[in-house]
Amino acid sequence: MSRPPTERTLPLREANQSFARIVREVEAGAAFTITRNGAPVARLVPVAGAPRRLTPEQEAALARTRARMAAGWPLAAGPLDRDAIHER
């Protein structure tokens, strides 16, 4: 069985110590294989059909992207005018 690209492997101890963070990442679409002494013992994956929730970092990135989109591009922006875009 192949793993989705967002799946990570972590030891049981780390999963136990960071459980709340890991569940937030699973809500955002990540999947984890949990190991004990290097052997896989469990997988933590999102529930199929459950609405996807973004992590706070993803929410912040989305807000920055929406702000940039709302600002728009200057009409005269061309390959040589990129510095003017970043000066705003």
PDB file of N, CA and C in Angstrom:
ATOM      1  N   MET A   1       0.847  -1.173   0.000  1.00  0.00           N
ATOM      2  CA  MET A   1       0.000   0.000   0.000  1.00  0.00           C
ATOM      3  C   MET A   1       0.892   1.235   0.000  1.00  0.00           C
ATOM      4  N   SER A   2       0.658   2.177  -0.923  1.00  0.00           N
ATOM      5  CA  SER A   2       1.479   3.383  -0.980  1.00  0.00           C
ATOM      6  C   SER A   2       0.896   4.454  -0.070  1.00  0.00           C
ATOM      7  N   ARG A   3       1.794   5.282   0.460  1.00  0.00           N
ATOM      8  CA  ARG A   3       1.388   6.333   1.382  1.00  0.00           C
ATOM      9  C   ARG A   3       1.144   7.633   0.627  1.00  0.00           C
ATOM     10  N   PRO A   4       0.196   8.452   1.099  1.00  0.00           N
ATOM     11  CA  PRO A   4       0.035   9.775   0.491  1.00  0.00           C
ATOM     12  C   PRO A   4       1.283  10.607   0.764  1.00  0.00           C
ATOM     13  N   PRO A   5       1.578  11.603  -0.071  1.00  0.00           N
ATOM     14  CA  PRO A   5       2.810  12.370   0.095  1.00  0.00           C
ATOM     15  C   PRO A   5       2.907  13.111   1.421  1.00  0.00           C
ATOM     16  N   THR A   6       1.787  13.374   2.100  1.00  0.00           N
ATOM     17  CA  THR A   6       1.843  14.105   3.363  1.00  0.00           C
ATOM     18  C   THR A   6       2.017  13.182   4.565  1.00  0.00           C
ATOM     19  N   GLU A   7       2.140  11.881   4.348  1.00  0.00           N
ATOM     20  CA  GLU A   7       2.245  10.964   5.482  1.00  0.00           C
ATOM     21  C   GLU A   7       3.657  10.963   6.058  1.00  0.00           C
ATOM     22  N   ARG A   8       3.727  11.035   7.376  1.00  0.00           N
ATOM     23  CA  ARG A   8       5.012  11.003   8.072  1.00  0.00           C
ATOM     24  C   ARG A   8       5.012   9.865   9.068  1.00  0.00           C
ATOM     25  N   THR A   9       6.211   9.415   9.419  1.00  0.00           N
ATOM     26  CA  THR A   9       6.380   8.367  10.417  1.00  0.00           C
ATOM     27  C   THR A   9       6.948   8.994  11.672  1.00  0.00           C
ATOM     28  N   LEU A  10       6.405   8.628  12.822  1.00  0.00           N
ATOM     29  CA  LEU A  10       6.953   9.128  14.068  1.00  0.00           C
ATOM     30  C   LEU A  10       6.823   8.088  15.160  1.00  0.00           C
ATOM     31  N   PRO A  11       7.761   8.110  16.111  1.00  0.00           N
ATOM     32  CA  PRO A  11       7.722   7.138  17.204  1.00  0.00           C
ATOM     33  C   PRO A  11       6.555   7.405  18.150  1.00  0.00           C
ATOM     34  N   LEU A  12       6.124   6.369  18.828  1.00  0.00           N
ATOM     35  CA  LEU A  12       5.005   6.457  19.758  1.00  0.00           C
ATOM     36  C   LEU A  12       5.232   7.532  20.812  1.00  0.00           C
ATOM     37  N   ARG A  13       6.439   7.628  21.324  1.00  0.00           N
ATOM     38  CA  ARG A  13       6.726   8.626  22.362  1.00  0.00           C
ATOM     39  C   ARG A  13       6.461  10.037  21.860  1.00  0.00           C
ATOM     40  N   GLU A  14       6.927  10.358  20.665  1.00  0.00           N
ATOM     41  CA  GLU A  14       6.680  11.693  20.107  1.00  0.00           C
ATOM     42  C   GLU A  14       5.196  11.913  19.854  1.00  0.00           C
ATOM     43  N   ALA A  15       4.513  10.890  19.354  1.00  0.00           N
ATOM     44  CA  ALA A  15       3.073  11.004  19.117  1.00  0.00           C
ATOM     45  C   ALA A  15       2.334  11.273  20.418  1.00  0.00           C
ATOM     46  N   ASN A  16       2.744  10.615  21.478  1.00  0.00           N
ATOM     47  CA  ASN A  16       2.111  10.799  22.774  1.00  0.00           C
ATOM     48  C   ASN A  16       2.356  12.212  23.311  1.00  0.00           C
ATOM     49  N   GLN A  17       3.573  12.708  23.160  1.00  0.00           N
ATOM     50  CA  GLN A  17       3.922  14.018  23.698  1.00  0.00           C
ATOM     51  C   GLN A  17       3.317  15.163  22.886  1.00  0.00           C
ATOM     52  N   SER A  18       3.031  14.930  21.614  1.00  0.00           N
ATOM     53  CA  SER A  18       2.544  15.996  20.731  1.00  0.00           C
ATOM     54  C   SER A  18       1.172  15.671  20.153  1.00  0.00           C
ATOM     55  N   PHE A  19       0.363  14.947  20.893  1.00  0.00           N
ATOM     56  CA  PHE A  19      -0.889  14.437  20.347  1.00  0.00           C
ATOM     57  C   PHE A  19      -1.814  15.536  19.827  1.00  0.00           C
ATOM     58  N   ALA A  20      -1.990  16.623  20.567  1.00  0.00           N
ATOM     59  CA  ALA A  20      -2.908  17.688  20.138  1.00  0.00           C
ATOM     60  C   ALA A  20      -2.435  18.316  18.832  1.00  0.00           C
ATOM     61  N   ARG A  21      -1.138  18.571  18.703  1.00  0.00           N
ATOM     62  CA  ARG A  21      -0.593  19.146  17.472  1.00  0.00           C
ATOM     63  C   ARG A  21      -0.795  18.187  16.304  1.00  0.00           C
ATOM     64  N   ILE A  22      -0.556  16.903  16.548  1.00  0.00           N
ATOM     65  CA  ILE A  22      -0.687  15.905  15.495  1.00  0.00           C
ATOM     66  C   ILE A  22      -2.139  15.798  15.030  1.00  0.00           C
ATOM     67  N   VAL A  23      -3.074  15.851  15.953  1.00  0.00           N
ATOM     68  CA  VAL A  23      -4.495  15.792  15.572  1.00  0.00           C
ATOM     69  C   VAL A  23      -4.854  17.018  14.730  1.00  0.00           C
ATOM     70  N   ARG A  24      -4.333  18.200  15.074  1.00  0.00           N
ATOM     71  CA  ARG A  24      -4.581  19.393  14.248  1.00  0.00           C
ATOM     72  C   ARG A  24      -4.043  19.188  12.830  1.00  0.00           C
ATOM     73  N   GLU A  25      -2.858  18.588  12.723  1.00  0.00           N
ATOM     74  CA  GLU A  25      -2.284  18.337  11.399  1.00  0.00           C
ATOM     75  C   GLU A  25      -3.129  17.327  10.622  1.00  0.00           C
ATOM     76  N   VAL A  26      -3.658  16.322  11.309  1.00  0.00           N
ATOM     77  CA  VAL A  26      -4.524  15.339  10.650  1.00  0.00           C
ATOM     78  C   VAL A  26      -5.798  16.023  10.175  1.00  0.00           C
ATOM     79  N   GLU A  27      -6.354  16.914  10.987  1.00  0.00           N
ATOM     80  CA  GLU A  27      -7.540  17.667  10.563  1.00  0.00           C
ATOM     81  C   GLU A  27      -7.250  18.477   9.305  1.00  0.00           C
ATOM     82  N   ALA A  28      -5.995  18.901   9.146  1.00  0.00           N
ATOM     83  CA  ALA A  28      -5.600  19.685   7.978  1.00  0.00           C
ATOM     84  C   ALA A  28      -5.236  18.806   6.789  1.00  0.00           C
ATOM     85  N   GLY A  29      -5.297  17.473   6.946  1.00  0.00           N
ATOM     86  CA  GLY A  29      -5.067  16.579   5.821  1.00  0.00           C
ATOM     87  C   GLY A  29      -3.838  15.694   5.914  1.00  0.00           C
ATOM     88  N   ALA A  30      -3.007  15.858   6.933  1.00  0.00           N
ATOM     89  CA  ALA A  30      -1.803  15.033   7.069  1.00  0.00           C
ATOM     90  C   ALA A  30      -2.168  13.642   7.565  1.00  0.00           C
ATOM     91  N   ALA A  31      -1.251  12.699   7.368  1.00  0.00           N
ATOM     92  CA  ALA A  31      -1.422  11.339   7.873  1.00  0.00           C
ATOM     93  C   ALA A  31      -0.119  10.909   8.533  1.00  0.00           C
ATOM     94  N   PHE A  32      -0.218  10.080   9.558  1.00  0.00           N
ATOM     95  CA  PHE A  32       0.948   9.644  10.316  1.00  0.00           C
ATOM     96  C   PHE A  32       0.939   8.134  10.490  1.00  0.00           C
ATOM     97  N   THR A  33       2.123   7.533  10.406  1.00  0.00           N
ATOM     98  CA  THR A  33       2.323   6.149  10.810  1.00  0.00           C
ATOM     99  C   THR A  33       3.079   6.209  12.122  1.00  0.00           C
ATOM    100  N   ILE A  34       2.522   5.585  13.148  1.00  0.00           N
ATOM    101  CA  ILE A  34       3.133   5.603  14.478  1.00  0.00           C
ATOM    102  C   ILE A  34       3.872   4.290  14.682  1.00  0.00           C
ATOM    103  N   THR A  35       5.103   4.392  15.167  1.00  0.00           N
ATOM    104  CA  THR A  35       5.939   3.197  15.335  1.00  0.00           C
ATOM    105  C   THR A  35       6.287   2.977  16.804  1.00  0.00           C
ATOM    106  N   ARG A  36       6.514   1.720  17.141  1.00  0.00           N
ATOM    107  CA  ARG A  36       7.031   1.347  18.463  1.00  0.00           C
ATOM    108  C   ARG A  36       8.271   0.502  18.196  1.00  0.00           C
ATOM    109  N   ASN A  37       9.396   0.923  18.736  1.00  0.00           N
ATOM    110  CA  ASN A  37      10.681   0.251  18.495  1.00  0.00           C
ATOM    111  C   ASN A  37      10.959   0.077  17.005  1.00  0.00           C
ATOM    112  N   GLY A  38      10.572   1.077  16.210  1.00  0.00           N
ATOM    113  CA  GLY A  38      10.840   1.063  14.775  1.00  0.00           C
ATOM    114  C   GLY A  38       9.841   0.308  13.931  1.00  0.00           C
ATOM    115  N   ALA A  39       8.916  -0.420  14.544  1.00  0.00           N
ATOM    116  CA  ALA A  39       7.923  -1.183  13.781  1.00  0.00           C
ATOM    117  C   ALA A  39       6.590  -0.427  13.749  1.00  0.00           C
ATOM    118  N   PRO A  40       5.953  -0.295  12.588  1.00  0.00           N
ATOM    119  CA  PRO A  40       4.665   0.402  12.512  1.00  0.00           C
ATOM    120  C   PRO A  40       3.604  -0.323  13.342  1.00  0.00           C
ATOM    121  N   VAL A  41       2.851   0.450  14.139  1.00  0.00           N
ATOM    122  CA  VAL A  41       1.793  -0.146  14.953  1.00  0.00           C
ATOM    123  C   VAL A  41       0.434   0.512  14.711  1.00  0.00           C
ATOM    124  N   ALA A  42       0.416   1.733  14.147  1.00  0.00           N
ATOM    125  CA  ALA A  42      -0.867   2.407  13.938  1.00  0.00           C
ATOM    126  C   ALA A  42      -0.710   3.484  12.874  1.00  0.00           C
ATOM    127  N   ARG A  43      -1.856   3.846  12.277  1.00  0.00           N
ATOM    128  CA  ARG A  43      -1.894   4.973  11.343  1.00  0.00           C
ATOM    129  C   ARG A  43      -2.958   5.932  11.832  1.00  0.00           C
ATOM    130  N   LEU A  44      -2.642   7.204  11.767  1.00  0.00           N
ATOM    131  CA  LEU A  44      -3.584   8.256  12.119  1.00  0.00           C
ATOM    132  C   LEU A  44      -3.858   9.033  10.839  1.00  0.00           C
ATOM    133  N   VAL A  45      -5.089   8.936  10.333  1.00  0.00           N
ATOM    134  CA  VAL A  45      -5.449   9.537   9.046  1.00  0.00           C
ATOM    135  C   VAL A  45      -6.750  10.317   9.199  1.00  0.00           C
ATOM    136  N   PRO A  46      -6.996  11.292   8.324  1.00  0.00           N
ATOM    137  CA  PRO A  46      -8.259  12.034   8.384  1.00  0.00           C
ATOM    138  C   PRO A  46      -9.445  11.128   8.065  1.00  0.00           C
ATOM    139  N   VAL A  47     -10.579  11.432   8.628  1.00  0.00           N
ATOM    140  CA  VAL A  47     -11.810  10.696   8.332  1.00  0.00           C
ATOM    141  C   VAL A  47     -12.273  11.110   6.941  1.00  0.00           C
ATOM    142  N   ALA A  48     -12.577  10.130   6.108  1.00  0.00           N
ATOM    143  CA  ALA A  48     -13.043  10.415   4.748  1.00  0.00           C
ATOM    144  C   ALA A  48     -14.343  11.211   4.801  1.00  0.00           C
ATOM    145  N   GLY A  49     -14.416  12.260   4.016  1.00  0.00           N
ATOM    146  CA  GLY A  49     -15.620  13.074   3.949  1.00  0.00           C
ATOM    147  C   GLY A  49     -15.724  14.141   5.023  1.00  0.00           C
ATOM    148  N   ALA A  50     -14.812  14.136   6.002  1.00  0.00           N
ATOM    149  CA  ALA A  50     -14.846  15.165   7.038  1.00  0.00           C
ATOM    150  C   ALA A  50     -14.350  16.478   6.454  1.00  0.00           C
ATOM    151  N   PRO A  51     -14.946  17.598   6.864  1.00  0.00           N
ATOM    152  CA  PRO A  51     -14.474  18.877   6.339  1.00  0.00           C
ATOM    153  C   PRO A  51     -13.027  19.132   6.774  1.00  0.00           C
ATOM    154  N   ARG A  52     -12.235  19.647   5.850  1.00  0.00           N
ATOM    155  CA  ARG A  52     -10.835  19.905   6.139  1.00  0.00           C
ATOM    156  C   ARG A  52     -10.695  21.202   6.912  1.00  0.00           C
ATOM    157  N   ARG A  53      -9.915  21.176   7.977  1.00  0.00           N
ATOM    158  CA  ARG A  53      -9.625  22.372   8.761  1.00  0.00           C
ATOM    159  C   ARG A  53      -8.184  22.766   8.524  1.00  0.00           C
ATOM    160  N   LEU A  54      -7.953  24.051   8.448  1.00  0.00           N
ATOM    161  CA  LEU A  54      -6.596  24.537   8.245  1.00  0.00           C
ATOM    162  C   LEU A  54      -5.901  24.757   9.583  1.00  0.00           C
ATOM    163  N   THR A  55      -4.587  24.539   9.585  1.00  0.00           N
ATOM    164  CA  THR A  55      -3.798  24.833  10.778  1.00  0.00           C
ATOM    165  C   THR A  55      -3.671  26.347  10.890  1.00  0.00           C
ATOM    166  N   PRO A  56      -3.305  26.876  12.066  1.00  0.00           N
ATOM    167  CA  PRO A  56      -3.124  28.325  12.185  1.00  0.00           C
ATOM    168  C   PRO A  56      -2.107  28.881  11.175  1.00  0.00           C
ATOM    169  N   GLU A  57      -1.054  28.116  10.886  1.00  0.00           N
ATOM    170  CA  GLU A  57      -0.069  28.571   9.905  1.00  0.00           C
ATOM    171  C   GLU A  57      -0.691  28.646   8.514  1.00  0.00           C
ATOM    172  N   GLN A  58      -1.526  27.660   8.181  1.00  0.00           N
ATOM    173  CA  GLN A  58      -2.188  27.668   6.882  1.00  0.00           C
ATOM    174  C   GLN A  58      -3.207  28.807   6.793  1.00  0.00           C
ATOM    175  N   GLU A  59      -3.914  29.063   7.893  1.00  0.00           N
ATOM    176  CA  GLU A  59      -4.869  30.180   7.931  1.00  0.00           C
ATOM    177  C   GLU A  59      -4.145  31.500   7.696  1.00  0.00           C
ATOM    178  N   ALA A  60      -2.975  31.687   8.337  1.00  0.00           N
ATOM    179  CA  ALA A  60      -2.206  32.922   8.172  1.00  0.00           C
ATOM    180  C   ALA A  60      -1.725  33.069   6.731  1.00  0.00           C
ATOM    181  N   ALA A  61      -1.247  31.984   6.139  1.00  0.00           N
ATOM    182  CA  ALA A  61      -0.790  32.029   4.754  1.00  0.00           C
ATOM    183  C   ALA A  61      -1.947  32.355   3.813  1.00  0.00           C
ATOM    184  N   LEU A  62      -3.112  31.786   4.067  1.00  0.00           N
ATOM    185  CA  LEU A  62      -4.284  32.067   3.247  1.00  0.00           C
ATOM    186  C   LEU A  62      -4.688  33.532   3.370  1.00  0.00           C
ATOM    187  N   ALA A  63      -4.647  34.078   4.588  1.00  0.00           N
ATOM    188  CA  ALA A  63      -4.985  35.489   4.793  1.00  0.00           C
ATOM    189  C   ALA A  63      -4.006  36.392   4.035  1.00  0.00           C
ATOM    190  N   ARG A  64      -2.702  36.065   4.092  1.00  0.00           N
ATOM    191  CA  ARG A  64      -1.707  36.869   3.353  1.00  0.00           C
ATOM    192  C   ARG A  64      -1.966  36.799   1.852  1.00  0.00           C
ATOM    193  N   THR A  65      -2.296  35.626   1.356  1.00  0.00           N
ATOM    194  CA  THR A  65      -2.558  35.464  -0.073  1.00  0.00           C
ATOM    195  C   THR A  65      -3.786  36.246  -0.487  1.00  0.00           C
ATOM    196  N   ARG A  66      -4.844  36.168   0.313  1.00  0.00           N
ATOM    197  CA  ARG A  66      -6.067  36.916  -0.016  1.00  0.00           C
ATOM    198  C   ARG A  66      -5.821  38.418   0.010  1.00  0.00           C
ATOM    199  N   ALA A  67      -4.983  38.902   0.951  1.00  0.00           N
ATOM    200  CA  ALA A  67      -4.660  40.329   1.012  1.00  0.00           C
ATOM    201  C   ALA A  67      -3.896  40.757  -0.238  1.00  0.00           C
ATOM    202  N   ARG A  68      -2.939  39.936  -0.672  1.00  0.00           N
ATOM    203  CA  ARG A  68      -2.188  40.254  -1.893  1.00  0.00           C
ATOM    204  C   ARG A  68      -3.103  40.252  -3.103  1.00  0.00           C
ATOM    205  N   MET A  69      -4.037  39.302  -3.138  1.00  0.00           N
ATOM    206  CA  MET A  69      -4.960  39.241  -4.268  1.00  0.00           C
ATOM    207  C   MET A  69      -5.885  40.457  -4.280  1.00  0.00           C
ATOM    208  N   ALA A  70      -6.324  40.901  -3.111  1.00  0.00           N
ATOM    209  CA  ALA A  70      -7.208  42.061  -3.031  1.00  0.00           C
ATOM    210  C   ALA A  70      -6.489  43.333  -3.472  1.00  0.00           C
ATOM    211  N   ALA A  71      -5.175  43.415  -3.184  1.00  0.00           N
ATOM    212  CA  ALA A  71      -4.407  44.592  -3.583  1.00  0.00           C
ATOM    213  C   ALA A  71      -4.246  44.657  -5.095  1.00  0.00           C
ATOM    214  N   GLY A  72      -4.203  43.505  -5.743  1.00  0.00           N
ATOM    215  CA  GLY A  72      -4.089  43.460  -7.195  1.00  0.00           C
ATOM    216  C   GLY A  72      -2.694  43.787  -7.683  1.00  0.00           C
ATOM    217  N   TRP A  73      -2.536  43.741  -9.003  1.00  0.00           N
ATOM    218  CA  TRP A  73      -1.269  44.058  -9.654  1.00  0.00           C
ATOM    219  C   TRP A  73      -1.411  45.398 -10.347  1.00  0.00           C
ATOM    220  N   PRO A  74      -0.368  46.233 -10.305  1.00  0.00           N
ATOM    221  CA  PRO A  74      -0.417  47.485 -11.074  1.00  0.00           C
ATOM    222  C   PRO A  74      -0.557  47.170 -12.566  1.00  0.00           C
ATOM    223  N   LEU A  75      -1.314  47.984 -13.291  1.00  0.00           N
ATOM    224  CA  LEU A  75      -1.561  47.713 -14.699  1.00  0.00           C
ATOM    225  C   LEU A  75      -0.279  47.727 -15.524  1.00  0.00           C
ATOM    226  N   ALA A  76       0.701  48.546 -15.158  1.00  0.00           N
ATOM    227  CA  ALA A  76       1.932  48.654 -15.941  1.00  0.00           C
ATOM    228  C   ALA A  76       2.985  47.636 -15.520  1.00  0.00           C
ATOM    229  N   ALA A  77       2.638  46.728 -14.646  1.00  0.00           N
ATOM    230  CA  ALA A  77       3.633  45.784 -14.139  1.00  0.00           C
ATOM    231  C   ALA A  77       4.092  44.867 -15.260  1.00  0.00           C
ATOM    232  N   GLY A  78       5.369  44.870 -15.481  1.00  0.00           N
ATOM    233  CA  GLY A  78       5.988  44.002 -16.466  1.00  0.00           C
ATOM    234  C   GLY A  78       7.216  43.382 -15.839  1.00  0.00           C
ATOM    235  N   PRO A  79       8.015  42.693 -16.620  1.00  0.00           N
ATOM    236  CA  PRO A  79       9.198  42.036 -16.060  1.00  0.00           C
ATOM    237  C   PRO A  79      10.139  42.990 -15.343  1.00  0.00           C
ATOM    238  N   LEU A  80      10.227  44.261 -15.793  1.00  0.00           N
ATOM    239  CA  LEU A  80      11.149  45.209 -15.180  1.00  0.00           C
ATOM    240  C   LEU A  80      10.506  45.980 -14.038  1.00  0.00           C
ATOM    241  N   ASP A  81       9.201  45.858 -13.842  1.00  0.00           N
ATOM    242  CA  ASP A  81       8.498  46.629 -12.829  1.00  0.00           C
ATOM    243  C   ASP A  81       8.227  45.840 -11.555  1.00  0.00           C
ATOM    244  N   ARG A  82       8.843  44.698 -11.365  1.00  0.00           N
ATOM    245  CA  ARG A  82       8.551  43.878 -10.196  1.00  0.00           C
ATOM    246  C   ARG A  82       8.959  44.557  -8.899  1.00  0.00           C
ATOM    247  N   ASP A  83      10.035  45.346  -8.916  1.00  0.00           N
ATOM    248  CA  ASP A  83      10.446  46.049  -7.702  1.00  0.00           C
ATOM    249  C   ASP A  83       9.367  47.009  -7.237  1.00  0.00           C
ATOM    250  N   ALA A  84       8.666  47.634  -8.153  1.00  0.00           N
ATOM    251  CA  ALA A  84       7.603  48.570  -7.793  1.00  0.00           C
ATOM    252  C   ALA A  84       6.480  47.849  -7.060  1.00  0.00           C
ATOM    253  N   ILE A  85       6.224  46.610  -7.395  1.00  0.00           N
ATOM    254  CA  ILE A  85       5.161  45.830  -6.747  1.00  0.00           C
ATOM    255  C   ILE A  85       5.498  45.613  -5.286  1.00  0.00           C
ATOM    256  N   HIS A  86       6.762  45.308  -4.982  1.00  0.00           N
ATOM    257  CA  HIS A  86       7.163  45.004  -3.615  1.00  0.00           C
ATOM    258  C   HIS A  86       7.376  46.238  -2.761  1.00  0.00           C
ATOM    259  N   GLU A  87       7.354  47.434  -3.372  1.00  0.00           N
ATOM    260  CA  GLU A  87       7.538  48.675  -2.614  1.00  0.00           C
ATOM    261  C   GLU A  87       6.263  49.138  -1.965  1.00  0.00           C
ATOM    262  N   ARG A  88       5.129  48.579  -2.326  1.00  0.00           N
ATOM    263  CA  ARG A  88       3.850  49.024  -1.772  1.00  0.00           C
ATOM    264  C   ARG A  88       3.751  48.757  -0.318  1.00  0.00           C
TER     265      ARG A  88
END
